[in-house]
Amino acid sequence: MIPEETKKGERLSAFEISVTNPVQKEVQHIRNCFRAGIHEVVMVCLEPAKLSAIREAAMGALPNDTERISFCLPAELSEKLMALAAKSKSTDTVIHGRRTKVEYQSLSPEETERRRQALAQVAAGSIKKIKGKK
């Protein structure tokens, strides 16, 4: 277990990175995060089979908290971070007696990849221009 906490707005999230601990120990770590006041826990594991076993055990042991637990492989982590960022940007304010709620949604994986590629092309083009002037 390598816990990482991040606070974005009023939401506190924890990233549990499973490396060597047994499945039940990882479930206990998730439980401890909720007891400590964490709003959402993201379990990250290198091995898909172990991640699946942790998911199954956590869903059985923590049935009331299933909406607050996410599971991902390292390759899926950036997408999860963007989704958490979008969720934390949501606001609920009262202005002149009227309640206004704004919710942001994360991008689809396809849109995220398209934007990442466009940004990479722009950056590569800028680097080529800078190198060409030298």
Protein backbone atom coordinates (compact mmCIF):
# COMPACT_ATOMS: atom_id res chain seq x y z
CA MET A 1 0.00 0.00 0.00
CA ILE A 2 1.24 3.45 -0.93
CA PRO A 3 -1.50 5.90 0.06
CA GLU A 4 -1.68 9.27 -1.63
CA GLU A 5 -4.22 11.89 -0.69
CA THR A 6 -5.29 14.82 -2.77
CA LYS A 7 -7.70 17.57 -1.87
CA LYS A 8 -9.53 19.36 -4.64
CA GLY A 9 -12.13 21.84 -3.49
CA GLU A 10 -14.06 20.26 -0.65
CA ARG A 11 -13.50 16.69 -1.86
CA LEU A 12 -10.75 14.61 -0.35
CA SER A 13 -9.64 11.64 -2.45
CA ALA A 14 -7.15 8.90 -1.68
CA PHE A 15 -5.17 6.79 -4.12
CA GLU A 16 -4.29 3.38 -2.76
CA ILE A 17 -1.55 1.76 -4.80
CA SER A 18 -1.43 -1.98 -4.31
CA VAL A 19 1.96 -3.58 -4.77
CA THR A 20 2.59 -6.44 -2.35
CA ASN A 21 -0.19 -6.57 0.26
CA PRO A 22 -2.80 -9.33 0.21
CA VAL A 23 -6.32 -8.53 -0.99
CA GLN A 24 -7.91 -8.39 2.49
CA LYS A 25 -5.24 -5.94 3.68
CA GLU A 26 -6.04 -3.65 0.73
CA VAL A 27 -9.76 -3.79 1.60
CA GLN A 28 -8.85 -2.81 5.16
CA HIS A 29 -6.88 0.17 3.80
CA ILE A 30 -9.95 1.31 1.84
CA ARG A 31 -12.08 0.99 4.99
CA ASN A 32 -9.50 3.03 6.95
CA CYS A 33 -9.60 5.77 4.32
CA PHE A 34 -13.37 6.16 4.77
CA ARG A 35 -12.99 6.20 8.56
CA ALA A 36 -10.44 9.00 8.14
CA GLY A 37 -12.98 11.13 6.26
CA ILE A 38 -11.89 10.47 2.69
CA HIS A 39 -14.74 11.04 0.20
CA GLU A 40 -13.49 8.76 -2.57
CA VAL A 41 -10.84 6.05 -2.83
CA VAL A 42 -9.13 5.02 -6.06
CA MET A 43 -7.43 1.62 -5.91
CA VAL A 44 -4.57 1.28 -8.41
CA CYS A 45 -2.89 -2.06 -9.10
CA LEU A 46 -0.41 -3.26 -11.72
CA GLU A 47 -1.95 -6.72 -11.98
CA PRO A 48 -5.45 -6.92 -13.54
CA ALA A 49 -6.23 -10.22 -11.76
CA LYS A 50 -5.34 -8.82 -8.35
CA LEU A 51 -7.27 -5.62 -9.07
CA SER A 52 -10.32 -7.71 -9.91
CA ALA A 53 -9.93 -9.70 -6.68
CA ILE A 54 -9.66 -6.47 -4.65
CA ARG A 55 -12.77 -5.10 -6.39
CA GLU A 56 -14.78 -8.22 -5.61
CA ALA A 57 -13.65 -8.29 -1.98
CA ALA A 58 -14.25 -4.56 -1.46
CA MET A 59 -17.74 -4.69 -2.97
CA GLY A 60 -18.63 -7.53 -0.61
CA ALA A 61 -17.06 -5.98 2.49
CA LEU A 62 -18.17 -2.37 1.89
CA PRO A 63 -21.59 -2.56 0.18
CA ASN A 64 -22.64 0.92 1.35
CA ASP A 65 -19.54 2.57 -0.10
CA THR A 66 -19.38 1.03 -3.57
CA GLU A 67 -20.14 4.37 -5.28
CA ARG A 68 -17.12 5.92 -3.56
CA ILE A 69 -14.55 3.32 -4.64
CA SER A 70 -12.90 3.22 -8.06
CA PHE A 71 -10.48 0.65 -9.43
CA CYS A 72 -7.99 1.21 -12.21
CA LEU A 73 -4.80 0.06 -13.80
CA PRO A 74 -1.92 2.57 -14.09
CA ALA A 75 -2.75 3.20 -17.76
CA GLU A 76 -6.25 4.36 -16.75
CA LEU A 77 -5.05 6.67 -13.99
CA SER A 78 -4.84 9.90 -16.02
CA GLU A 79 -8.44 9.45 -17.18
CA LYS A 80 -9.52 8.91 -13.57
CA LEU A 81 -7.65 12.02 -12.42
CA MET A 82 -9.43 14.11 -15.06
CA ALA A 83 -12.80 12.71 -13.97
CA LEU A 84 -12.05 13.58 -10.33
CA ALA A 85 -10.97 17.08 -11.35
CA ALA A 86 -14.22 17.60 -13.27
CA LYS A 87 -16.26 16.34 -10.32
CA SER A 88 -14.44 18.65 -7.90
CA LYS A 89 -15.10 21.72 -10.05
CA SER A 90 -18.83 21.34 -9.53
CA THR A 91 -20.27 24.15 -7.45
CA ASP A 92 -23.41 24.80 -5.48
CA THR A 93 -23.92 28.49 -4.64
CA VAL A 94 -26.70 30.78 -3.52
CA ILE A 95 -26.82 34.18 -5.21
CA HIS A 96 -29.57 36.66 -4.37
CA GLY A 97 -31.59 33.90 -2.73
CA ARG A 98 -31.41 31.58 -5.73
CA ARG A 99 -29.54 28.34 -5.65
CA THR A 100 -27.29 27.64 -8.61
CA LYS A 101 -25.68 24.26 -9.14
CA VAL A 102 -23.01 23.80 -11.80
CA GLU A 103 -21.70 20.33 -12.61
CA TYR A 104 -18.83 19.52 -14.94
CA GLN A 105 -18.55 16.21 -16.72
CA SER A 106 -15.33 14.54 -17.67
CA LEU A 107 -14.52 13.95 -21.31
CA SER A 108 -14.97 10.60 -22.99
CA PRO A 109 -11.78 8.58 -23.49
CA GLU A 110 -11.97 9.24 -27.23
CA GLU A 111 -12.30 13.01 -26.76
CA THR A 112 -9.52 12.99 -24.18
CA GLU A 113 -7.20 11.18 -26.59
CA ARG A 114 -8.16 13.50 -29.46
CA ARG A 115 -7.32 16.57 -27.37
CA ARG A 116 -4.10 15.00 -26.12
CA GLN A 117 -3.01 14.34 -29.72
CA ALA A 118 -3.93 17.86 -30.81
CA LEU A 119 -1.94 19.32 -27.94
CA ALA A 120 1.04 17.09 -28.78
CA GLN A 121 0.92 18.25 -32.43
CA VAL A 122 0.84 21.91 -31.43
CA ALA A 123 3.71 21.40 -28.98
CA ALA A 124 5.76 19.47 -31.57
CA GLY A 125 5.12 22.18 -34.16
CA SER A 126 6.25 24.89 -31.75
CA ILE A 127 9.41 22.99 -30.88
CA LYS A 128 10.23 22.53 -34.58
CA LYS A 129 9.76 26.27 -35.19
CA ILE A 130 12.00 27.15 -32.26
CA LYS A 131 14.71 24.68 -33.36
CA GLY A 132 14.45 25.95 -36.95
CA LYS A 133 15.22 29.54 -35.88
CA LYS A 134 18.48 28.56 -34.13
